[in-house]
Amino acid sequence: MFANEVLGKDHFRTRAIVESEPFPPFSCFADGVQVTTGCTMGKGNIELKNGHNLSVTFVRNSKRLKLSLRDEVLEGLRKIRSKEDSEKTALVLIDRPFQELFQIEE
């Protein structure tokens, strides 16, 4: 949603490059990117890359915006061992300010 505010929402001219580990809960991040931006595998304007961090780079025209999950948040996700842990963590994270969760590079 932050990327939509900064770059404007355009389902066809926005491109997203998601970097994450290739398994849940990390890979689920790509689902949120698809839902909020309209970038989809079907349109070919989202790309998935394997990595050890969790980030997304949005490109629209000549503008770029990179959002990287902060290390301390990522380490907390790595400690999740059960569905219950996952649900508790999600409820805590949803109330945190966006800037506390992500590093922002424009």
PDB file of N, CA and C in Angstrom:
ATOM      1  N   MET A   1       0.831  -1.178   0.000  1.00  0.00           N
ATOM      2  CA  MET A   1       0.000   0.000   0.000  1.00  0.00           C
ATOM      3  C   MET A   1       0.879   1.247   0.000  1.00  0.00           C
ATOM      4  N   PHE A   2       2.005   1.172   0.699  1.00  0.00           N
ATOM      5  CA  PHE A   2       2.940   2.301   0.720  1.00  0.00           C
ATOM      6  C   PHE A   2       3.453   2.592  -0.690  1.00  0.00           C
ATOM      7  N   ALA A   3       3.789   1.564  -1.438  1.00  0.00           N
ATOM      8  CA  ALA A   3       4.264   1.749  -2.810  1.00  0.00           C
ATOM      9  C   ALA A   3       3.195   2.409  -3.675  1.00  0.00           C
ATOM     10  N   ASN A   4       1.947   2.040  -3.477  1.00  0.00           N
ATOM     11  CA  ASN A   4       0.854   2.667  -4.227  1.00  0.00           C
ATOM     12  C   ASN A   4       0.777   4.161  -3.925  1.00  0.00           C
ATOM     13  N   GLU A   5       1.008   4.534  -2.667  1.00  0.00           N
ATOM     14  CA  GLU A   5       0.987   5.949  -2.291  1.00  0.00           C
ATOM     15  C   GLU A   5       2.142   6.711  -2.939  1.00  0.00           C
ATOM     16  N   VAL A   6       3.317   6.109  -2.941  1.00  0.00           N
ATOM     17  CA  VAL A   6       4.514   6.784  -3.455  1.00  0.00           C
ATOM     18  C   VAL A   6       4.534   6.814  -4.984  1.00  0.00           C
ATOM     19  N   LEU A   7       4.251   5.685  -5.611  1.00  0.00           N
ATOM     20  CA  LEU A   7       4.379   5.570  -7.063  1.00  0.00           C
ATOM     21  C   LEU A   7       3.064   5.737  -7.811  1.00  0.00           C
ATOM     22  N   GLY A   8       1.957   5.644  -7.099  1.00  0.00           N
ATOM     23  CA  GLY A   8       0.657   5.621  -7.750  1.00  0.00           C
ATOM     24  C   GLY A   8       0.308   4.184  -8.097  1.00  0.00           C
ATOM     25  N   LYS A   9      -0.964   3.849  -8.029  1.00  0.00           N
ATOM     26  CA  LYS A   9      -1.370   2.468  -8.302  1.00  0.00           C
ATOM     27  C   LYS A   9      -1.677   2.308  -9.787  1.00  0.00           C
ATOM     28  N   ASP A  10      -0.973   1.396 -10.410  1.00  0.00           N
ATOM     29  CA  ASP A  10      -1.199   1.097 -11.822  1.00  0.00           C
ATOM     30  C   ASP A  10      -0.921  -0.386 -12.021  1.00  0.00           C
ATOM     31  N   HIS A  11      -1.978  -1.163 -12.220  1.00  0.00           N
ATOM     32  CA  HIS A  11      -1.875  -2.624 -12.319  1.00  0.00           C
ATOM     33  C   HIS A  11      -1.003  -3.082 -13.480  1.00  0.00           C
ATOM     34  N   PHE A  12      -0.813  -2.244 -14.471  1.00  0.00           N
ATOM     35  CA  PHE A  12      -0.102  -2.678 -15.668  1.00  0.00           C
ATOM     36  C   PHE A  12       1.289  -2.068 -15.815  1.00  0.00           C
ATOM     37  N   ARG A  13       1.502  -0.846 -15.332  1.00  0.00           N
ATOM     38  CA  ARG A  13       2.801  -0.204 -15.526  1.00  0.00           C
ATOM     39  C   ARG A  13       3.738  -0.342 -14.334  1.00  0.00           C
ATOM     40  N   THR A  14       3.256  -0.898 -13.244  1.00  0.00           N
ATOM     41  CA  THR A  14       4.114  -1.128 -12.091  1.00  0.00           C
ATOM     42  C   THR A  14       4.701  -2.531 -12.192  1.00  0.00           C
ATOM     43  N   ARG A  15       5.973  -2.647 -11.865  1.00  0.00           N
ATOM     44  CA  ARG A  15       6.663  -3.934 -11.850  1.00  0.00           C
ATOM     45  C   ARG A  15       7.173  -4.150 -10.430  1.00  0.00           C
ATOM     46  N   ALA A  16       7.078  -5.376  -9.942  1.00  0.00           N
ATOM     47  CA  ALA A  16       7.545  -5.706  -8.592  1.00  0.00           C
ATOM     48  C   ALA A  16       8.544  -6.853  -8.667  1.00  0.00           C
ATOM     49  N   ILE A  17       9.657  -6.701  -7.956  1.00  0.00           N
ATOM     50  CA  ILE A  17      10.661  -7.755  -7.848  1.00  0.00           C
ATOM     51  C   ILE A  17      10.744  -8.126  -6.372  1.00  0.00           C
ATOM     52  N   VAL A  18      10.265  -9.324  -6.045  1.00  0.00           N
ATOM     53  CA  VAL A  18      10.218  -9.796  -4.666  1.00  0.00           C
ATOM     54  C   VAL A  18      11.395 -10.725  -4.432  1.00  0.00           C
ATOM     55  N   GLU A  19      12.130 -10.475  -3.360  1.00  0.00           N
ATOM     56  CA  GLU A  19      13.242 -11.347  -2.979  1.00  0.00           C
ATOM     57  C   GLU A  19      12.926 -11.944  -1.614  1.00  0.00           C
ATOM     58  N   SER A  20      12.918 -13.290  -1.545  1.00  0.00           N
ATOM     59  CA  SER A  20      12.638 -13.958  -0.277  1.00  0.00           C
ATOM     60  C   SER A  20      13.152 -15.390  -0.316  1.00  0.00           C
ATOM     61  N   GLU A  21      13.105 -16.006   0.836  1.00  0.00           N
ATOM     62  CA  GLU A  21      13.380 -17.431   0.893  1.00  0.00           C
ATOM     63  C   GLU A  21      12.198 -18.141   0.231  1.00  0.00           C
ATOM     64  N   PRO A  22      12.431 -19.277  -0.421  1.00  0.00           N
ATOM     65  CA  PRO A  22      11.387 -19.895  -1.246  1.00  0.00           C
ATOM     66  C   PRO A  22      10.390 -20.786  -0.495  1.00  0.00           C
ATOM     67  N   PHE A  23      10.089 -20.465   0.740  1.00  0.00           N
ATOM     68  CA  PHE A  23       9.128 -21.262   1.505  1.00  0.00           C
ATOM     69  C   PHE A  23       8.390 -20.357   2.501  1.00  0.00           C
ATOM     70  N   PRO A  24       7.158 -20.759   2.913  1.00  0.00           N
ATOM     71  CA  PRO A  24       6.383 -19.973   3.877  1.00  0.00           C
ATOM     72  C   PRO A  24       7.097 -19.894   5.223  1.00  0.00           C
ATOM     73  N   PRO A  25       6.937 -18.849   5.975  1.00  0.00           N
ATOM     74  CA  PRO A  25       6.050 -17.729   5.730  1.00  0.00           C
ATOM     75  C   PRO A  25       6.655 -16.661   4.821  1.00  0.00           C
ATOM     76  N   PHE A  26       7.922 -16.786   4.478  1.00  0.00           N
ATOM     77  CA  PHE A  26       8.612 -15.750   3.707  1.00  0.00           C
ATOM     78  C   PHE A  26       8.035 -15.581   2.310  1.00  0.00           C
ATOM     79  N   SER A  27       7.801 -16.673   1.611  1.00  0.00           N
ATOM     80  CA  SER A  27       7.299 -16.590   0.242  1.00  0.00           C
ATOM     81  C   SER A  27       5.872 -16.041   0.182  1.00  0.00           C
ATOM     82  N   CYS A  28       5.154 -16.079   1.286  1.00  0.00           N
ATOM     83  CA  CYS A  28       3.786 -15.538   1.326  1.00  0.00           C
ATOM     84  C   CYS A  28       3.778 -14.021   1.138  1.00  0.00           C
ATOM     85  N   PHE A  29       4.910 -13.400   1.354  1.00  0.00           N
ATOM     86  CA  PHE A  29       5.033 -11.956   1.145  1.00  0.00           C
ATOM     87  C   PHE A  29       4.626 -11.576  -0.284  1.00  0.00           C
ATOM     88  N   ALA A  30       4.961 -12.437  -1.253  1.00  0.00           N
ATOM     89  CA  ALA A  30       4.607 -12.171  -2.651  1.00  0.00           C
ATOM     90  C   ALA A  30       3.093 -12.109  -2.838  1.00  0.00           C
ATOM     91  N   ASP A  31       2.340 -12.873  -2.055  1.00  0.00           N
ATOM     92  CA  ASP A  31       0.872 -12.827  -2.139  1.00  0.00           C
ATOM     93  C   ASP A  31       0.360 -11.437  -1.778  1.00  0.00           C
ATOM     94  N   GLY A  32       0.912 -10.870  -0.711  1.00  0.00           N
ATOM     95  CA  GLY A  32       0.498  -9.535  -0.299  1.00  0.00           C
ATOM     96  C   GLY A  32       0.843  -8.484  -1.336  1.00  0.00           C
ATOM     97  N   VAL A  33       2.001  -8.632  -1.969  1.00  0.00           N
ATOM     98  CA  VAL A  33       2.399  -7.695  -3.020  1.00  0.00           C
ATOM     99  C   VAL A  33       1.412  -7.778  -4.181  1.00  0.00           C
ATOM    100  N   GLN A  34       1.023  -8.984  -4.563  1.00  0.00           N
ATOM    101  CA  GLN A  34       0.074  -9.146  -5.666  1.00  0.00           C
ATOM    102  C   GLN A  34      -1.284  -8.516  -5.339  1.00  0.00           C
ATOM    103  N   VAL A  35      -1.781  -8.766  -4.141  1.00  0.00           N
ATOM    104  CA  VAL A  35      -3.100  -8.272  -3.759  1.00  0.00           C
ATOM    105  C   VAL A  35      -3.121  -6.744  -3.684  1.00  0.00           C
ATOM    106  N   THR A  36      -2.101  -6.148  -3.088  1.00  0.00           N
ATOM    107  CA  THR A  36      -2.132  -4.703  -2.868  1.00  0.00           C
ATOM    108  C   THR A  36      -1.752  -3.881  -4.093  1.00  0.00           C
ATOM    109  N   THR A  37      -0.921  -4.430  -4.979  1.00  0.00           N
ATOM    110  CA  THR A  37      -0.460  -3.627  -6.110  1.00  0.00           C
ATOM    111  C   THR A  37      -1.090  -4.013  -7.436  1.00  0.00           C
ATOM    112  N   GLY A  38      -1.620  -5.216  -7.528  1.00  0.00           N
ATOM    113  CA  GLY A  38      -2.150  -5.684  -8.805  1.00  0.00           C
ATOM    114  C   GLY A  38      -1.079  -6.265  -9.706  1.00  0.00           C
ATOM    115  N   CYS A  39       0.162  -6.298  -9.267  1.00  0.00           N
ATOM    116  CA  CYS A  39       1.223  -6.975 -10.020  1.00  0.00           C
ATOM    117  C   CYS A  39       0.977  -8.472  -9.874  1.00  0.00           C
ATOM    118  N   THR A  40       0.946  -9.194 -10.993  1.00  0.00           N
ATOM    119  CA  THR A  40       0.624 -10.619 -10.911  1.00  0.00           C
ATOM    120  C   THR A  40       1.538 -11.444 -11.812  1.00  0.00           C
ATOM    121  N   MET A  41       1.602 -12.718 -11.489  1.00  0.00           N
ATOM    122  CA  MET A  41       2.356 -13.647 -12.324  1.00  0.00           C
ATOM    123  C   MET A  41       1.720 -13.728 -13.711  1.00  0.00           C
ATOM    124  N   GLY A  42       0.407 -13.679 -13.768  1.00  0.00           N
ATOM    125  CA  GLY A  42      -0.303 -13.768 -15.038  1.00  0.00           C
ATOM    126  C   GLY A  42       0.059 -12.649 -15.997  1.00  0.00           C
ATOM    127  N   LYS A  43       0.190 -11.442 -15.479  1.00  0.00           N
ATOM    128  CA  LYS A  43       0.573 -10.302 -16.325  1.00  0.00           C
ATOM    129  C   LYS A  43       2.078 -10.245 -16.537  1.00  0.00           C
ATOM    130  N   GLY A  44       2.812 -10.986 -15.732  1.00  0.00           N
ATOM    131  CA  GLY A  44       4.267 -11.003 -15.868  1.00  0.00           C
ATOM    132  C   GLY A  44       4.950  -9.760 -15.311  1.00  0.00           C
ATOM    133  N   ASN A  45       4.255  -9.022 -14.450  1.00  0.00           N
ATOM    134  CA  ASN A  45       4.894  -7.831 -13.892  1.00  0.00           C
ATOM    135  C   ASN A  45       5.286  -7.991 -12.427  1.00  0.00           C
ATOM    136  N   ILE A  46       5.432  -9.248 -12.021  1.00  0.00           N
ATOM    137  CA  ILE A  46       6.035  -9.552 -10.728  1.00  0.00           C
ATOM    138  C   ILE A  46       7.074 -10.641 -10.960  1.00  0.00           C
ATOM    139  N   GLU A  47       8.200 -10.472 -10.318  1.00  0.00           N
ATOM    140  CA  GLU A  47       9.303 -11.434 -10.455  1.00  0.00           C
ATOM    141  C   GLU A  47       9.695 -11.900  -9.054  1.00  0.00           C
ATOM    142  N   LEU A  48       9.948 -13.187  -8.907  1.00  0.00           N
ATOM    143  CA  LEU A  48      10.367 -13.743  -7.626  1.00  0.00           C
ATOM    144  C   LEU A  48      11.816 -14.168  -7.710  1.00  0.00           C
ATOM    145  N   LYS A  49      12.590 -13.749  -6.724  1.00  0.00           N
ATOM    146  CA  LYS A  49      14.001 -14.127  -6.655  1.00  0.00           C
ATOM    147  C   LYS A  49      14.261 -14.767  -5.297  1.00  0.00           C
ATOM    148  N   ASN A  50      15.060 -15.813  -5.295  1.00  0.00           N
ATOM    149  CA  ASN A  50      15.454 -16.433  -4.033  1.00  0.00           C
ATOM    150  C   ASN A  50      16.489 -15.551  -3.357  1.00  0.00           C
ATOM    151  N   GLY A  51      16.342 -15.408  -2.055  1.00  0.00           N
ATOM    152  CA  GLY A  51      17.290 -14.618  -1.287  1.00  0.00           C
ATOM    153  C   GLY A  51      17.152 -14.930   0.189  1.00  0.00           C
ATOM    154  N   HIS A  52      18.033 -14.357   0.980  1.00  0.00           N
ATOM    155  CA  HIS A  52      18.011 -14.611   2.418  1.00  0.00           C
ATOM    156  C   HIS A  52      17.357 -13.483   3.187  1.00  0.00           C
ATOM    157  N   ASN A  53      17.011 -12.420   2.492  1.00  0.00           N
ATOM    158  CA  ASN A  53      16.284 -11.340   3.142  1.00  0.00           C
ATOM    159  C   ASN A  53      14.857 -11.341   2.612  1.00  0.00           C
ATOM    160  N   LEU A  54      14.112 -10.336   2.942  1.00  0.00           N
ATOM    161  CA  LEU A  54      12.745 -10.211   2.447  1.00  0.00           C
ATOM    162  C   LEU A  54      12.587  -8.773   1.995  1.00  0.00           C
ATOM    163  N   SER A  55      12.499  -8.595   0.678  1.00  0.00           N
ATOM    164  CA  SER A  55      12.389  -7.245   0.144  1.00  0.00           C
ATOM    165  C   SER A  55      11.569  -7.256  -1.135  1.00  0.00           C
ATOM    166  N   VAL A  56      11.137  -6.063  -1.512  1.00  0.00           N
ATOM    167  CA  VAL A  56      10.447  -5.889  -2.783  1.00  0.00           C
ATOM    168  C   VAL A  56      10.905  -4.558  -3.364  1.00  0.00           C
ATOM    169  N   THR A  57      11.202  -4.591  -4.643  1.00  0.00           N
ATOM    170  CA  THR A  57      11.549  -3.378  -5.372  1.00  0.00           C
ATOM    171  C   THR A  57      10.444  -3.124  -6.380  1.00  0.00           C
ATOM    172  N   PHE A  58       9.887  -1.939  -6.321  1.00  0.00           N
ATOM    173  CA  PHE A  58       8.851  -1.533  -7.266  1.00  0.00           C
ATOM    174  C   PHE A  58       9.461  -0.593  -8.284  1.00  0.00           C
ATOM    175  N   VAL A  59       9.100  -0.787  -9.530  1.00  0.00           N
ATOM    176  CA  VAL A  59       9.575   0.074 -10.607  1.00  0.00           C
ATOM    177  C   VAL A  59       8.352   0.552 -11.384  1.00  0.00           C
ATOM    178  N   ARG A  60       8.266   1.848 -11.572  1.00  0.00           N
ATOM    179  CA  ARG A  60       7.209   2.432 -12.396  1.00  0.00           C
ATOM    180  C   ARG A  60       7.798   3.643 -13.096  1.00  0.00           C
ATOM    181  N   ASN A  61       7.811   3.568 -14.417  1.00  0.00           N
ATOM    182  CA  ASN A  61       8.465   4.585 -15.238  1.00  0.00           C
ATOM    183  C   ASN A  61       9.919   4.693 -14.784  1.00  0.00           C
ATOM    184  N   SER A  62      10.385   5.862 -14.411  1.00  0.00           N
ATOM    185  CA  SER A  62      11.782   6.013 -13.994  1.00  0.00           C
ATOM    186  C   SER A  62      11.934   5.987 -12.478  1.00  0.00           C
ATOM    187  N   LYS A  63      10.867   5.703 -11.753  1.00  0.00           N
ATOM    188  CA  LYS A  63      10.913   5.687 -10.285  1.00  0.00           C
ATOM    189  C   LYS A  63      11.133   4.271  -9.770  1.00  0.00           C
ATOM    190  N   ARG A  64      11.924   4.181  -8.694  1.00  0.00           N
ATOM    191  CA  ARG A  64      12.175   2.910  -8.014  1.00  0.00           C
ATOM    192  C   ARG A  64      11.934   3.109  -6.526  1.00  0.00           C
ATOM    193  N   LEU A  65      11.399   2.091  -5.907  1.00  0.00           N
ATOM    194  CA  LEU A  65      11.170   2.105  -4.473  1.00  0.00           C
ATOM    195  C   LEU A  65      11.488   0.713  -3.955  1.00  0.00           C
ATOM    196  N   LYS A  66      12.419   0.647  -2.997  1.00  0.00           N
ATOM    197  CA  LYS A  66      12.768  -0.656  -2.419  1.00  0.00           C
ATOM    198  C   LYS A  66      12.375  -0.659  -0.950  1.00  0.00           C
ATOM    199  N   LEU A  67      11.653  -1.710  -0.564  1.00  0.00           N
ATOM    200  CA  LEU A  67      11.238  -1.912   0.812  1.00  0.00           C
ATOM    201  C   LEU A  67      11.858  -3.213   1.295  1.00  0.00           C
ATOM    202  N   SER A  68      12.653  -3.127   2.347  1.00  0.00           N
ATOM    203  CA  SER A  68      13.334  -4.303   2.904  1.00  0.00           C
ATOM    204  C   SER A  68      12.905  -4.493   4.346  1.00  0.00           C
ATOM    205  N   LEU A  69      12.487  -5.697   4.666  1.00  0.00           N
ATOM    206  CA  LEU A  69      12.091  -5.994   6.035  1.00  0.00           C
ATOM    207  C   LEU A  69      13.307  -5.813   6.944  1.00  0.00           C
ATOM    208  N   ARG A  70      13.116  -5.116   8.018  1.00  0.00           N
ATOM    209  CA  ARG A  70      14.226  -4.870   8.960  1.00  0.00           C
ATOM    210  C   ARG A  70      14.728  -6.196   9.531  1.00  0.00           C
ATOM    211  N   ASP A  71      16.024  -6.256   9.778  1.00  0.00           N
ATOM    212  CA  ASP A  71      16.672  -7.490  10.240  1.00  0.00           C
ATOM    213  C   ASP A  71      16.021  -8.061  11.496  1.00  0.00           C
ATOM    214  N   GLU A  72      15.686  -7.202  12.456  1.00  0.00           N
ATOM    215  CA  GLU A  72      15.117  -7.708  13.707  1.00  0.00           C
ATOM    216  C   GLU A  72      13.728  -8.312  13.481  1.00  0.00           C
ATOM    217  N   VAL A  73      12.978  -7.793  12.533  1.00  0.00           N
ATOM    218  CA  VAL A  73      11.665  -8.354  12.204  1.00  0.00           C
ATOM    219  C   VAL A  73      11.851  -9.706  11.514  1.00  0.00           C
ATOM    220  N   LEU A  74      12.790  -9.756  10.587  1.00  0.00           N
ATOM    221  CA  LEU A  74      13.076 -10.989   9.866  1.00  0.00           C
ATOM    222  C   LEU A  74      13.545 -12.086  10.819  1.00  0.00           C
ATOM    223  N   GLU A  75      14.388 -11.742  11.773  1.00  0.00           N
ATOM    224  CA  GLU A  75      14.859 -12.736  12.739  1.00  0.00           C
ATOM    225  C   GLU A  75      13.708 -13.266  13.587  1.00  0.00           C
ATOM    226  N   GLY A  76      12.754 -12.392  13.921  1.00  0.00           N
ATOM    227  CA  GLY A  76      11.574 -12.843  14.658  1.00  0.00           C
ATOM    228  C   GLY A  76      10.761 -13.843  13.846  1.00  0.00           C
ATOM    229  N   LEU A  77      10.652 -13.613  12.544  1.00  0.00           N
ATOM    230  CA  LEU A  77       9.930 -14.551  11.680  1.00  0.00           C
ATOM    231  C   LEU A  77      10.637 -15.897  11.604  1.00  0.00           C
ATOM    232  N   ARG A  78      11.949 -15.872  11.622  1.00  0.00           N
ATOM    233  CA  ARG A  78      12.718 -17.119  11.562  1.00  0.00           C
ATOM    234  C   ARG A  78      12.492 -18.002  12.797  1.00  0.00           C
ATOM    235  N   LYS A  79      12.050 -17.418  13.884  1.00  0.00           N
ATOM    236  CA  LYS A  79      11.829 -18.172  15.116  1.00  0.00           C
ATOM    237  C   LYS A  79      10.453 -18.838  15.178  1.00  0.00           C
ATOM    238  N   ILE A  80       9.602 -18.550  14.206  1.00  0.00           N
ATOM    239  CA  ILE A  80       8.263 -19.136  14.198  1.00  0.00           C
ATOM    240  C   ILE A  80       8.360 -20.641  13.967  1.00  0.00           C
ATOM    241  N   ARG A  81       7.701 -21.417  14.838  1.00  0.00           N
ATOM    242  CA  ARG A  81       7.771 -22.873  14.740  1.00  0.00           C
ATOM    243  C   ARG A  81       6.404 -23.540  14.621  1.00  0.00           C
ATOM    244  N   SER A  82       5.337 -22.750  14.761  1.00  0.00           N
ATOM    245  CA  SER A  82       4.012 -23.363  14.709  1.00  0.00           C
ATOM    246  C   SER A  82       3.000 -22.373  14.127  1.00  0.00           C
ATOM    247  N   LYS A  83       1.838 -22.894  13.803  1.00  0.00           N
ATOM    248  CA  LYS A  83       0.757 -22.051  13.301  1.00  0.00           C
ATOM    249  C   LYS A  83       0.363 -21.024  14.362  1.00  0.00           C
ATOM    250  N   GLU A  84       0.349 -21.443  15.605  1.00  0.00           N
ATOM    251  CA  GLU A  84      -0.006 -20.542  16.698  1.00  0.00           C
ATOM    252  C   GLU A  84       1.007 -19.404  16.814  1.00  0.00           C
ATOM    253  N   ASP A  85       2.305 -19.727  16.713  1.00  0.00           N
ATOM    254  CA  ASP A  85       3.343 -18.694  16.732  1.00  0.00           C
ATOM    255  C   ASP A  85       3.158 -17.718  15.572  1.00  0.00           C
ATOM    256  N   SER A  86       2.816 -18.262  14.425  1.00  0.00           N
ATOM    257  CA  SER A  86       2.610 -17.444  13.236  1.00  0.00           C
ATOM    258  C   SER A  86       1.461 -16.466  13.435  1.00  0.00           C
ATOM    259  N   GLU A  87       0.364 -16.948  13.974  1.00  0.00           N
ATOM    260  CA  GLU A  87      -0.804 -16.097  14.201  1.00  0.00           C
ATOM    261  C   GLU A  87      -0.516 -15.017  15.236  1.00  0.00           C
ATOM    262  N   LYS A  88       0.167 -15.374  16.325  1.00  0.00           N
ATOM    263  CA  LYS A  88       0.520 -14.396  17.359  1.00  0.00           C
ATOM    264  C   LYS A  88       1.442 -13.321  16.789  1.00  0.00           C
ATOM    265  N   THR A  89       2.422 -13.732  16.024  1.00  0.00           N
ATOM    266  CA  THR A  89       3.365 -12.790  15.426  1.00  0.00           C
ATOM    267  C   THR A  89       2.649 -11.849  14.466  1.00  0.00           C
ATOM    268  N   ALA A  90       1.755 -12.379  13.647  1.00  0.00           N
ATOM    269  CA  ALA A  90       1.000 -11.551  12.700  1.00  0.00           C
ATOM    270  C   ALA A  90       0.197 -10.485  13.432  1.00  0.00           C
ATOM    271  N   LEU A  91      -0.436 -10.847  14.534  1.00  0.00           N
ATOM    272  CA  LEU A  91      -1.241  -9.889  15.286  1.00  0.00           C
ATOM    273  C   LEU A  91      -0.385  -8.786  15.908  1.00  0.00           C
ATOM    274  N   VAL A  92       0.822  -9.102  16.293  1.00  0.00           N
ATOM    275  CA  VAL A  92       1.737  -8.091  16.843  1.00  0.00           C
ATOM    276  C   VAL A  92       2.240  -7.174  15.724  1.00  0.00           C
ATOM    277  N   LEU A  93       2.639  -7.757  14.618  1.00  0.00           N
ATOM    278  CA  LEU A  93       3.225  -6.975  13.525  1.00  0.00           C
ATOM    279  C   LEU A  93       2.220  -6.046  12.852  1.00  0.00           C
ATOM    280  N   ILE A  94       0.977  -6.464  12.767  1.00  0.00           N
ATOM    281  CA  ILE A  94      -0.024  -5.662  12.041  1.00  0.00           C
ATOM    282  C   ILE A  94      -0.236  -4.294  12.682  1.00  0.00           C
ATOM    283  N   ASP A  95       0.028  -4.169  13.955  1.00  0.00           N
ATOM    284  CA  ASP A  95      -0.166  -2.900  14.654  1.00  0.00           C
ATOM    285  C   ASP A  95       1.083  -2.019  14.695  1.00  0.00           C
ATOM    286  N   ARG A  96       2.195  -2.523  14.211  1.00  0.00           N
ATOM    287  CA  ARG A  96       3.421  -1.725  14.239  1.00  0.00           C
ATOM    288  C   ARG A  96       3.455  -0.750  13.067  1.00  0.00           C
ATOM    289  N   PRO A  97       4.004   0.440  13.269  1.00  0.00           N
ATOM    290  CA  PRO A  97       4.135   1.395  12.170  1.00  0.00           C
ATOM    291  C   PRO A  97       5.002   0.824  11.045  1.00  0.00           C
ATOM    292  N   PHE A  98       4.622   1.152   9.830  1.00  0.00           N
ATOM    293  CA  PHE A  98       5.300   0.650   8.633  1.00  0.00           C
ATOM    294  C   PHE A  98       6.810   0.888   8.690  1.00  0.00           C
ATOM    295  N   GLN A  99       7.219   2.077   9.124  1.00  0.00           N
ATOM    296  CA  GLN A  99       8.648   2.424   9.155  1.00  0.00           C
ATOM    297  C   GLN A  99       9.425   1.609  10.178  1.00  0.00           C
ATOM    298  N   GLU A 100       8.748   1.026  11.160  1.00  0.00           N
ATOM    299  CA  GLU A 100       9.412   0.142  12.112  1.00  0.00           C
ATOM    300  C   GLU A 100       9.646  -1.246  11.515  1.00  0.00           C
ATOM    301  N   LEU A 101       8.891  -1.600  10.499  1.00  0.00           N
ATOM    302  CA  LEU A 101       9.004  -2.914   9.887  1.00  0.00           C
ATOM    303  C   LEU A 101       9.956  -2.930   8.694  1.00  0.00           C
ATOM    304  N   PHE A 102       9.969  -1.847   7.909  1.00  0.00           N
ATOM    305  CA  PHE A 102      10.711  -1.821   6.651  1.00  0.00           C
ATOM    306  C   PHE A 102      11.722  -0.678   6.573  1.00  0.00           C
ATOM    307  N   GLN A 103      12.844  -0.972   5.928  1.00  0.00           N
ATOM    308  CA  GLN A 103      13.772   0.075   5.506  1.00  0.00           C
ATOM    309  C   GLN A 103      13.280   0.536   4.145  1.00  0.00           C
ATOM    310  N   ILE A 104      13.290   1.828   3.909  1.00  0.00           N
ATOM    311  CA  ILE A 104      12.739   2.404   2.686  1.00  0.00           C
ATOM    312  C   ILE A 104      13.852   3.079   1.900  1.00  0.00           C
ATOM    313  N   GLU A 105      14.004   2.686   0.639  1.00  0.00           N
ATOM    314  CA  GLU A 105      14.988   3.318  -0.244  1.00  0.00           C
ATOM    315  C   GLU A 105      14.259   3.821  -1.474  1.00  0.00           C
ATOM    316  N   GLU A 106      14.357   5.125  -1.742  1.00  0.00           N
ATOM    317  CA  GLU A 106      13.730   5.680  -2.934  1.00  0.00           C
ATOM    318  C   GLU A 106      14.798   6.078  -3.931  1.00  0.00           C
TER     319      GLU A 106
END
